[in-house]
Amino acid sequence: MQSRLAGVALQLAALATFVVMDTIIKLLTAHFAVPQVMWARFLFGFLTVTIALRIATGHVPWRSRAPGLQTLRSLILAACNYLFTVALVHIPLADATAVGFASPLLTVALAAVWLKERVGWRRWTGVVVGLLGVLVLLRPPFLFAGEPVHWAMLLPLGTAALFAVYQILTRKLASIDDPRTTILHTSLAAAIVTSAILPGAWSWPSAGGWGVLVLLGVLGGVGHGLMVLAFARAPVSLLAPMSYTQMIWAVLAGMLVFADYPDLVTLLGMVVIAVGGLLVALPDRARKATP
């Protein structure tokens, strides 16, 4: 029980860190190309984790028993970040974050199918309700008349699907590699790929710009490090619903930093998603043993 509670606490801390990171990303996209923002996020994130592990343990545990899965996981995270960062160029932070909440719903479904974790009817109902909330946010023409939704609203949906796979891989690797090894590999392959494409999108930062780019990487390294530690202590189906706390902070950040206020349709979609999340979060009742 204590291990699961520690996992929940670590997950909540990771999600709060991600909101700060997403806010900084949206600010940076006004001054730098998306590939450069991604490069900073992954390279400085990798360096942060490497230095922290070196100081804490005296060595860098980079050897993995599943290097292919580690590489795939890192590249999936890079794809998630690319889609979400492009979305932030065009749509408000709260909208992008809200659509992205299809991810924990998909994660619960994948946990049942792939990891064989038990998911009862109440959680399956929550998954369906939550996805209906995502549909409201996308505002399809057959439900909502008026101005069509911005095409960039579809990008966080792609991010959600990929991030669900990323979380399942994180849980799977928790039984294969030391969590410190997984933390180290989180940004490794992504940093290599983004460094390779950087020359075509480079813009020299000011001193302050360098500081913010480094901070972005540090937050990314810390956030995903906390998430890896969380998934090593608790099952996916328990941790995934915790992601809904991120929606609250994203709305507040959008209002305070960018003066983006969600409209009624967005709020309705968020409420429906939250209801689905609560259904997913409720534990399934244990079956009574027959005498």
Protein backbone atom coordinates (compact mmCIF):
# COMPACT_ATOMS: atom_id res chain seq x y z
CA MET A 1 0.00 0.00 0.00
CA GLN A 2 2.79 2.45 0.90
CA SER A 3 4.48 1.72 -2.41
CA ARG A 4 1.28 2.54 -4.32
CA LEU A 5 0.76 5.76 -2.40
CA ALA A 6 4.36 6.75 -3.16
CA GLY A 7 3.68 6.01 -6.84
CA VAL A 8 0.61 8.26 -6.82
CA ALA A 9 2.55 11.09 -5.14
CA LEU A 10 5.38 10.81 -7.66
CA GLN A 11 2.90 10.80 -10.55
CA LEU A 12 1.16 13.95 -9.28
CA ALA A 13 4.51 15.72 -8.94
CA ALA A 14 5.45 14.67 -12.48
CA LEU A 15 2.17 16.02 -13.90
CA ALA A 16 2.60 19.40 -12.21
CA THR A 17 6.10 19.58 -13.67
CA PHE A 18 4.74 18.83 -17.14
CA VAL A 19 2.28 21.75 -16.97
CA VAL A 20 5.13 24.15 -16.19
CA MET A 21 7.14 22.62 -19.03
CA ASP A 22 4.24 22.93 -21.52
CA THR A 23 3.75 26.57 -20.55
CA ILE A 24 7.41 27.29 -21.24
CA ILE A 25 7.21 25.40 -24.55
CA LYS A 26 4.29 27.56 -25.72
CA LEU A 27 6.25 30.69 -24.79
CA LEU A 28 9.36 29.47 -26.61
CA THR A 29 7.53 28.63 -29.86
CA ALA A 30 7.02 32.38 -30.33
CA HIS A 31 10.80 32.81 -30.65
CA PHE A 32 12.27 29.49 -31.79
CA ALA A 33 11.40 26.81 -34.35
CA VAL A 34 9.77 23.64 -33.00
CA PRO A 35 12.82 21.39 -33.73
CA GLN A 36 15.06 23.71 -31.67
CA VAL A 37 12.64 23.70 -28.74
CA MET A 38 12.51 19.89 -28.87
CA TRP A 39 16.30 19.68 -29.08
CA ALA A 40 16.68 21.73 -25.90
CA ARG A 41 14.02 19.74 -24.11
CA PHE A 42 15.67 16.39 -24.83
CA LEU A 43 19.39 17.24 -24.80
CA PHE A 44 19.35 19.23 -21.58
CA GLY A 45 16.93 16.72 -20.09
CA PHE A 46 19.39 13.92 -20.85
CA LEU A 47 22.31 15.89 -19.41
CA THR A 48 20.31 16.68 -16.26
CA VAL A 49 19.52 13.03 -15.63
CA THR A 50 23.08 11.91 -16.42
CA ILE A 51 24.64 14.42 -14.01
CA ALA A 52 22.08 13.64 -11.29
CA LEU A 53 22.68 9.89 -11.54
CA ARG A 54 26.44 10.39 -11.54
CA ILE A 55 26.27 12.48 -8.38
CA ALA A 56 23.75 10.22 -6.63
CA THR A 57 25.19 6.80 -7.49
CA GLY A 58 28.76 7.42 -8.64
CA HIS A 59 28.11 5.86 -12.05
CA VAL A 60 25.75 6.11 -15.04
CA PRO A 61 23.68 2.89 -15.43
CA TRP A 62 23.16 3.15 -19.18
CA ARG A 63 23.30 -0.60 -20.00
CA SER A 64 19.79 -1.90 -20.72
CA ARG A 65 18.48 -5.46 -21.01
CA ALA A 66 16.04 -4.20 -23.64
CA PRO A 67 17.83 -1.48 -25.65
CA GLY A 68 15.36 -1.79 -28.52
CA LEU A 69 12.38 -1.08 -26.27
CA GLN A 70 14.23 1.79 -24.61
CA THR A 71 15.03 3.35 -27.98
CA LEU A 72 11.45 2.89 -29.21
CA ARG A 73 10.10 4.46 -26.01
CA SER A 74 12.37 7.50 -26.36
CA LEU A 75 11.44 8.01 -30.02
CA ILE A 76 7.73 7.70 -29.23
CA LEU A 77 8.17 10.42 -26.62
CA ALA A 78 9.90 12.59 -29.24
CA ALA A 79 6.94 12.11 -31.60
CA CYS A 80 4.54 12.99 -28.76
CA ASN A 81 6.43 16.19 -28.03
CA TYR A 82 6.61 17.16 -31.70
CA LEU A 83 2.84 16.83 -32.25
CA PHE A 84 1.98 18.60 -29.01
CA THR A 85 4.46 21.43 -29.56
CA VAL A 86 3.14 22.09 -33.07
CA ALA A 87 -0.38 22.12 -31.61
CA LEU A 88 0.63 24.75 -29.04
CA VAL A 89 1.68 27.06 -31.84
CA HIS A 90 -1.93 27.21 -33.05
CA ILE A 91 -4.30 26.48 -30.16
CA PRO A 92 -4.58 27.38 -26.44
CA LEU A 93 -2.74 25.34 -23.82
CA ALA A 94 -5.96 24.28 -22.08
CA ASP A 95 -7.53 22.99 -25.32
CA ALA A 96 -4.45 21.01 -26.29
CA THR A 97 -4.12 19.56 -22.80
CA ALA A 98 -7.80 18.64 -22.62
CA VAL A 99 -7.75 16.71 -25.91
CA GLY A 100 -4.57 15.02 -24.73
CA PHE A 101 -6.55 13.49 -21.88
CA ALA A 102 -7.58 10.71 -24.19
CA SER A 103 -4.16 9.32 -23.24
CA PRO A 104 -4.93 7.99 -19.73
CA LEU A 105 -8.15 6.47 -21.06
CA LEU A 106 -6.27 4.70 -23.82
CA THR A 107 -3.58 3.72 -21.33
CA VAL A 108 -6.13 1.89 -19.16
CA ALA A 109 -7.42 0.03 -22.23
CA LEU A 110 -3.90 -0.91 -23.33
CA ALA A 111 -3.02 -2.01 -19.78
CA ALA A 112 -5.91 -4.47 -19.89
CA VAL A 113 -5.07 -5.80 -23.36
CA TRP A 114 -1.26 -5.71 -23.33
CA LEU A 115 -0.23 -6.03 -19.68
CA LYS A 116 -3.25 -8.16 -18.68
CA GLU A 117 -4.05 -5.85 -15.76
CA ARG A 118 -7.57 -6.36 -14.45
CA VAL A 119 -9.93 -3.60 -15.61
CA GLY A 120 -13.58 -4.04 -14.61
CA TRP A 121 -16.77 -2.81 -16.22
CA ARG A 122 -16.77 0.48 -14.26
CA ARG A 123 -13.38 1.48 -15.69
CA TRP A 124 -14.39 0.45 -19.20
CA THR A 125 -17.47 2.68 -18.82
CA GLY A 126 -15.18 5.51 -17.72
CA VAL A 127 -13.03 5.02 -20.81
CA VAL A 128 -16.09 5.33 -23.08
CA VAL A 129 -17.44 8.40 -21.23
CA GLY A 130 -14.03 10.09 -21.30
CA LEU A 131 -13.65 9.52 -25.02
CA LEU A 132 -17.08 11.08 -25.54
CA GLY A 133 -15.72 14.14 -23.74
CA VAL A 134 -12.81 14.24 -26.15
CA LEU A 135 -15.32 14.07 -29.01
CA VAL A 136 -17.09 17.14 -27.58
CA LEU A 137 -13.77 19.03 -27.52
CA LEU A 138 -13.17 18.18 -31.17
CA ARG A 139 -16.60 19.68 -32.02
CA PRO A 140 -17.60 17.51 -34.99
CA PRO A 141 -20.04 19.19 -37.42
CA PHE A 142 -22.79 16.63 -36.74
CA LEU A 143 -22.86 17.74 -33.07
CA PHE A 144 -21.94 21.43 -33.21
CA ALA A 145 -22.85 24.02 -35.82
CA GLY A 146 -20.77 27.10 -36.52
CA GLU A 147 -17.07 27.61 -37.07
CA PRO A 148 -15.21 24.31 -37.57
CA VAL A 149 -12.58 23.29 -35.04
CA HIS A 150 -8.97 24.19 -35.80
CA TRP A 151 -7.12 21.35 -37.52
CA ALA A 152 -4.39 21.51 -34.87
CA MET A 153 -6.88 20.11 -32.32
CA LEU A 154 -6.26 16.72 -33.92
CA LEU A 155 -2.56 16.81 -33.06
CA PRO A 156 -3.03 16.34 -29.29
CA LEU A 157 -5.22 13.34 -30.11
CA GLY A 158 -2.25 11.79 -31.91
CA THR A 159 -0.11 12.74 -28.92
CA ALA A 160 -2.57 10.95 -26.63
CA ALA A 161 -2.43 7.72 -28.59
CA LEU A 162 1.37 7.71 -28.71
CA PHE A 163 1.72 8.69 -25.05
CA ALA A 164 -0.52 5.78 -24.03
CA VAL A 165 1.95 3.44 -25.74
CA TYR A 166 4.82 5.31 -24.04
CA GLN A 167 3.28 4.74 -20.60
CA ILE A 168 2.70 1.04 -21.30
CA LEU A 169 6.33 0.68 -22.37
CA THR A 170 7.38 2.48 -19.18
CA ARG A 171 5.43 0.00 -17.10
CA LYS A 172 6.78 -2.97 -19.09
CA LEU A 173 10.38 -1.79 -18.75
CA ALA A 174 9.90 -1.42 -14.99
CA SER A 175 10.08 -5.23 -14.77
CA ILE A 176 13.11 -5.46 -17.08
CA ASP A 177 15.50 -2.60 -16.30
CA ASP A 178 16.53 -0.62 -13.25
CA PRO A 179 14.32 2.52 -13.10
CA ARG A 180 17.50 4.65 -13.24
CA THR A 181 18.40 3.05 -16.57
CA THR A 182 14.95 3.80 -17.97
CA ILE A 183 15.16 7.40 -16.73
CA LEU A 184 18.52 7.76 -18.50
CA HIS A 185 17.21 6.34 -21.77
CA THR A 186 14.06 8.47 -21.78
CA SER A 187 15.74 11.32 -23.65
CA LEU A 188 18.78 9.57 -25.18
CA ALA A 189 17.48 8.49 -28.61
CA ALA A 190 15.29 11.60 -28.84
CA ALA A 191 18.29 13.85 -28.13
CA ILE A 192 20.30 12.14 -30.89
CA VAL A 193 17.51 12.50 -33.46
CA THR A 194 16.71 16.13 -32.63
CA SER A 195 20.41 17.04 -32.68
CA ALA A 196 20.66 15.57 -36.19
CA ILE A 197 17.84 17.78 -37.53
CA LEU A 198 18.77 20.90 -35.53
CA PRO A 199 21.11 22.64 -38.07
CA GLY A 200 18.19 23.34 -40.41
CA ALA A 201 16.19 25.12 -37.70
CA TRP A 202 18.85 26.84 -35.57
CA SER A 203 18.36 30.36 -34.23
CA TRP A 204 21.02 31.69 -31.84
CA PRO A 205 19.44 32.40 -28.42
CA SER A 206 20.20 35.35 -26.17
CA ALA A 207 21.63 34.74 -22.69
CA GLY A 208 18.12 34.68 -21.27
CA GLY A 209 16.97 32.42 -24.08
CA TRP A 210 19.71 29.92 -23.24
CA GLY A 211 18.58 29.94 -19.63
CA VAL A 212 14.97 29.17 -20.53
CA LEU A 213 16.01 26.43 -22.99
CA VAL A 214 18.14 24.79 -20.30
CA LEU A 215 15.30 25.10 -17.78
CA LEU A 216 12.98 23.38 -20.25
CA GLY A 217 15.32 20.40 -20.47
CA VAL A 218 15.76 20.23 -16.69
CA LEU A 219 11.99 20.17 -16.17
CA GLY A 220 11.61 17.46 -18.82
CA GLY A 221 14.28 15.30 -17.21
CA VAL A 222 12.83 15.74 -13.73
CA GLY A 223 9.23 15.17 -14.85
CA HIS A 224 9.86 11.94 -16.72
CA GLY A 225 12.22 10.76 -14.02
CA LEU A 226 9.43 11.13 -11.48
CA MET A 227 7.04 9.29 -13.81
CA VAL A 228 9.40 6.34 -14.24
CA LEU A 229 9.74 6.06 -10.45
CA ALA A 230 5.95 6.23 -10.13
CA PHE A 231 5.35 3.42 -12.63
CA ALA A 232 7.91 1.28 -10.83
CA ARG A 233 5.76 1.50 -7.67
CA ALA A 234 2.16 1.34 -8.88
CA PRO A 235 0.14 -0.20 -11.75
CA VAL A 236 -0.76 1.73 -14.88
CA SER A 237 -4.50 1.47 -14.26
CA LEU A 238 -4.08 3.28 -10.92
CA LEU A 239 -1.69 6.00 -12.09
CA ALA A 240 -3.33 6.87 -15.40
CA PRO A 241 -6.41 8.59 -13.87
CA MET A 242 -4.13 10.86 -11.81
CA SER A 243 -3.37 12.68 -15.06
CA TYR A 244 -6.65 14.58 -14.77
CA THR A 245 -5.13 16.90 -12.17
CA GLN A 246 -2.99 18.24 -15.01
CA MET A 247 -6.09 19.65 -16.71
CA ILE A 248 -6.78 21.98 -13.78
CA TRP A 249 -3.27 23.41 -13.78
CA ALA A 250 -3.27 23.75 -17.58
CA VAL A 251 -6.47 25.84 -17.51
CA LEU A 252 -5.04 28.10 -14.79
CA ALA A 253 -1.73 28.48 -16.65
CA GLY A 254 -3.57 29.33 -19.86
CA MET A 255 -5.59 32.03 -18.14
CA LEU A 256 -2.76 33.53 -16.08
CA VAL A 257 0.03 33.42 -18.67
CA PHE A 258 -1.74 33.63 -22.05
CA ALA A 259 -5.16 35.11 -21.12
CA ASP A 260 -6.82 32.10 -22.82
CA TYR A 261 -10.21 31.47 -21.23
CA PRO A 262 -11.99 28.21 -22.14
CA ASP A 263 -15.48 28.59 -23.65
CA LEU A 264 -18.56 26.61 -22.61
CA VAL A 265 -17.98 23.78 -25.09
CA THR A 266 -14.42 23.32 -23.87
CA LEU A 267 -15.58 23.33 -20.24
CA LEU A 268 -18.32 20.81 -21.09
CA GLY A 269 -15.79 18.51 -22.72
CA MET A 270 -13.48 18.81 -19.73
CA VAL A 271 -16.31 17.95 -17.32
CA VAL A 272 -17.31 14.87 -19.34
CA ILE A 273 -13.67 13.76 -19.47
CA ALA A 274 -13.35 14.30 -15.72
CA VAL A 275 -16.45 12.15 -15.09
CA GLY A 276 -14.92 9.41 -17.21
CA GLY A 277 -11.69 9.79 -15.30
CA LEU A 278 -13.46 9.42 -11.96
CA LEU A 279 -15.16 6.25 -13.15
CA VAL A 280 -11.80 4.90 -14.23
CA ALA A 281 -10.23 5.87 -10.92
CA LEU A 282 -12.84 4.07 -8.80
CA PRO A 283 -11.57 0.61 -7.76
CA ASP A 284 -13.49 -2.40 -8.96
CA ARG A 285 -15.41 -4.22 -6.26
CA ALA A 286 -13.86 -7.50 -5.30
CA ARG A 287 -16.05 -10.51 -5.92
CA LYS A 288 -17.30 -12.22 -2.82
CA ALA A 289 -15.83 -15.62 -2.30
CA THR A 290 -18.37 -18.44 -2.47
CA PRO A 291 -18.55 -20.69 0.60
